[in-house]
Protein backbone atom coordinates (compact mmCIF):
# COMPACT_ATOMS: atom_id res chain seq x y z
CA MET A 1 -7.07 -14.84 -1.37
CA THR A 2 -7.45 -13.58 -4.94
CA GLU A 3 -8.14 -17.14 -6.10
CA LEU A 4 -11.44 -16.91 -4.24
CA LEU A 5 -12.58 -14.00 -6.42
CA GLU A 6 -13.69 -16.54 -9.02
CA ALA A 7 -16.18 -17.91 -6.48
CA ILE A 8 -18.01 -14.59 -6.22
CA LEU A 9 -20.12 -15.19 -9.34
CA PRO A 10 -21.65 -18.55 -8.31
CA ILE A 11 -22.12 -17.37 -4.71
CA TYR A 12 -23.93 -14.24 -5.88
CA CYS A 13 -26.10 -16.25 -8.27
CA ALA A 14 -26.93 -18.80 -5.57
CA ALA A 15 -27.92 -16.00 -3.20
CA ASN A 16 -30.07 -14.51 -5.96
CA LEU A 17 -31.73 -17.89 -6.52
CA MET A 18 -32.49 -18.26 -2.81
CA PHE A 19 -33.87 -14.72 -2.68
CA GLU A 20 -36.18 -15.42 -5.62
CA PHE A 21 -37.21 -18.76 -4.11
CA PHE A 22 -38.13 -17.33 -0.71
CA LEU A 23 -39.76 -14.25 -2.21
CA SER A 24 -41.95 -16.35 -4.51
CA GLN A 25 -43.20 -18.52 -1.61
CA ASP A 26 -45.18 -15.58 -0.33
CA ASN A 27 -49.00 -15.90 -0.27
CA GLY A 28 -48.88 -19.70 -0.12
CA GLU A 29 -48.17 -20.13 -3.84
CA GLU A 30 -45.76 -22.66 -5.32
CA ALA A 31 -42.14 -21.50 -5.18
CA LYS A 32 -40.74 -20.34 -8.52
CA VAL A 33 -37.14 -19.98 -9.63
CA THR A 34 -36.21 -18.22 -12.86
CA PHE A 35 -34.12 -19.79 -15.58
CA GLY A 36 -31.68 -16.88 -15.37
CA ALA A 37 -30.81 -17.65 -11.75
CA VAL A 38 -30.09 -21.30 -12.52
CA LEU A 39 -28.13 -20.37 -15.65
CA GLY A 40 -26.09 -17.88 -13.63
CA ILE A 41 -25.09 -20.57 -11.14
CA ILE A 42 -24.12 -22.96 -13.95
CA VAL A 43 -22.05 -20.32 -15.76
CA GLY A 44 -20.45 -19.25 -12.48
CA VAL A 45 -19.42 -22.79 -11.53
CA VAL A 46 -18.06 -23.49 -15.02
CA HIS A 47 -16.14 -20.20 -14.96
CA MET A 48 -14.73 -21.03 -11.53
CA PHE A 49 -13.19 -24.34 -12.67
CA LEU A 50 -11.93 -23.38 -16.14
CA PRO A 51 -8.23 -22.44 -16.48
CA MET A 52 -8.70 -18.72 -17.13
CA GLN A 53 -4.95 -18.06 -17.36
CA GLU A 54 -4.75 -20.26 -20.47
CA PHE A 55 -7.72 -18.48 -22.06
CA ASN A 56 -6.13 -15.11 -21.34
CA LYS A 57 -2.91 -16.24 -23.03
CA LEU A 58 -4.87 -17.27 -26.13
CA ILE A 59 -7.01 -14.14 -26.30
CA CYS A 60 -4.50 -11.47 -25.27
CA TYR A 61 -1.14 -12.22 -26.82
CA VAL A 62 1.70 -10.35 -25.12
CA LYS A 63 5.03 -10.18 -26.89
CA GLN A 64 8.03 -11.21 -24.82
CA ALA A 65 10.15 -8.28 -23.68
CA GLU A 66 13.64 -7.97 -25.07
CA PRO A 67 16.36 -8.90 -22.63
CA ASN A 68 18.11 -5.98 -20.99
CA THR A 69 21.68 -5.95 -22.27
CA LYS A 70 22.71 -2.39 -21.38
CA ASN A 71 24.47 -1.50 -18.18
CA TYR A 72 22.70 1.10 -16.03
CA ASP A 73 25.55 3.59 -16.37
CA VAL A 74 25.40 3.31 -20.18
CA ALA A 75 21.57 3.51 -20.35
CA ARG A 76 21.40 6.41 -17.86
CA ALA A 77 22.25 8.91 -20.59
CA ASP A 78 19.06 7.93 -22.48
CA PHE A 79 16.72 8.56 -19.51
CA ASP A 80 14.64 11.74 -19.54
CA ASP A 81 14.57 11.94 -15.75
CA ASP A 82 15.89 10.04 -12.81
CA TYR A 83 15.81 10.42 -9.06
CA ASP A 84 18.96 12.53 -8.83
CA ARG A 85 17.69 15.04 -11.42
CA GLN A 86 14.21 15.37 -9.89
CA ASN A 87 15.16 15.50 -6.22
CA PRO A 88 15.42 19.20 -5.21
CA ILE A 89 17.61 18.41 -2.20
CA THR A 90 20.39 16.81 -4.21
CA SER A 91 20.36 19.29 -7.09
């Protein structure tokens, strides 16, 4: 379902183009479509088919997390709070 979110931009731009087209046909004049509406559809379609995950990896570098080597019982002493300390019923 979330993969279809990329299709929102070209769908919106196509709807905008149709709105401008039908609105400009009023009064018997020749129908006009703005360059911005066509450009929006082109950018939307290009954006929809480009691999955005690869661009995000290039732009926003995220350092790999260190592997967790501590046991929970050993690391528990370093925690500020945990469920047992915050739960008023068990304390």
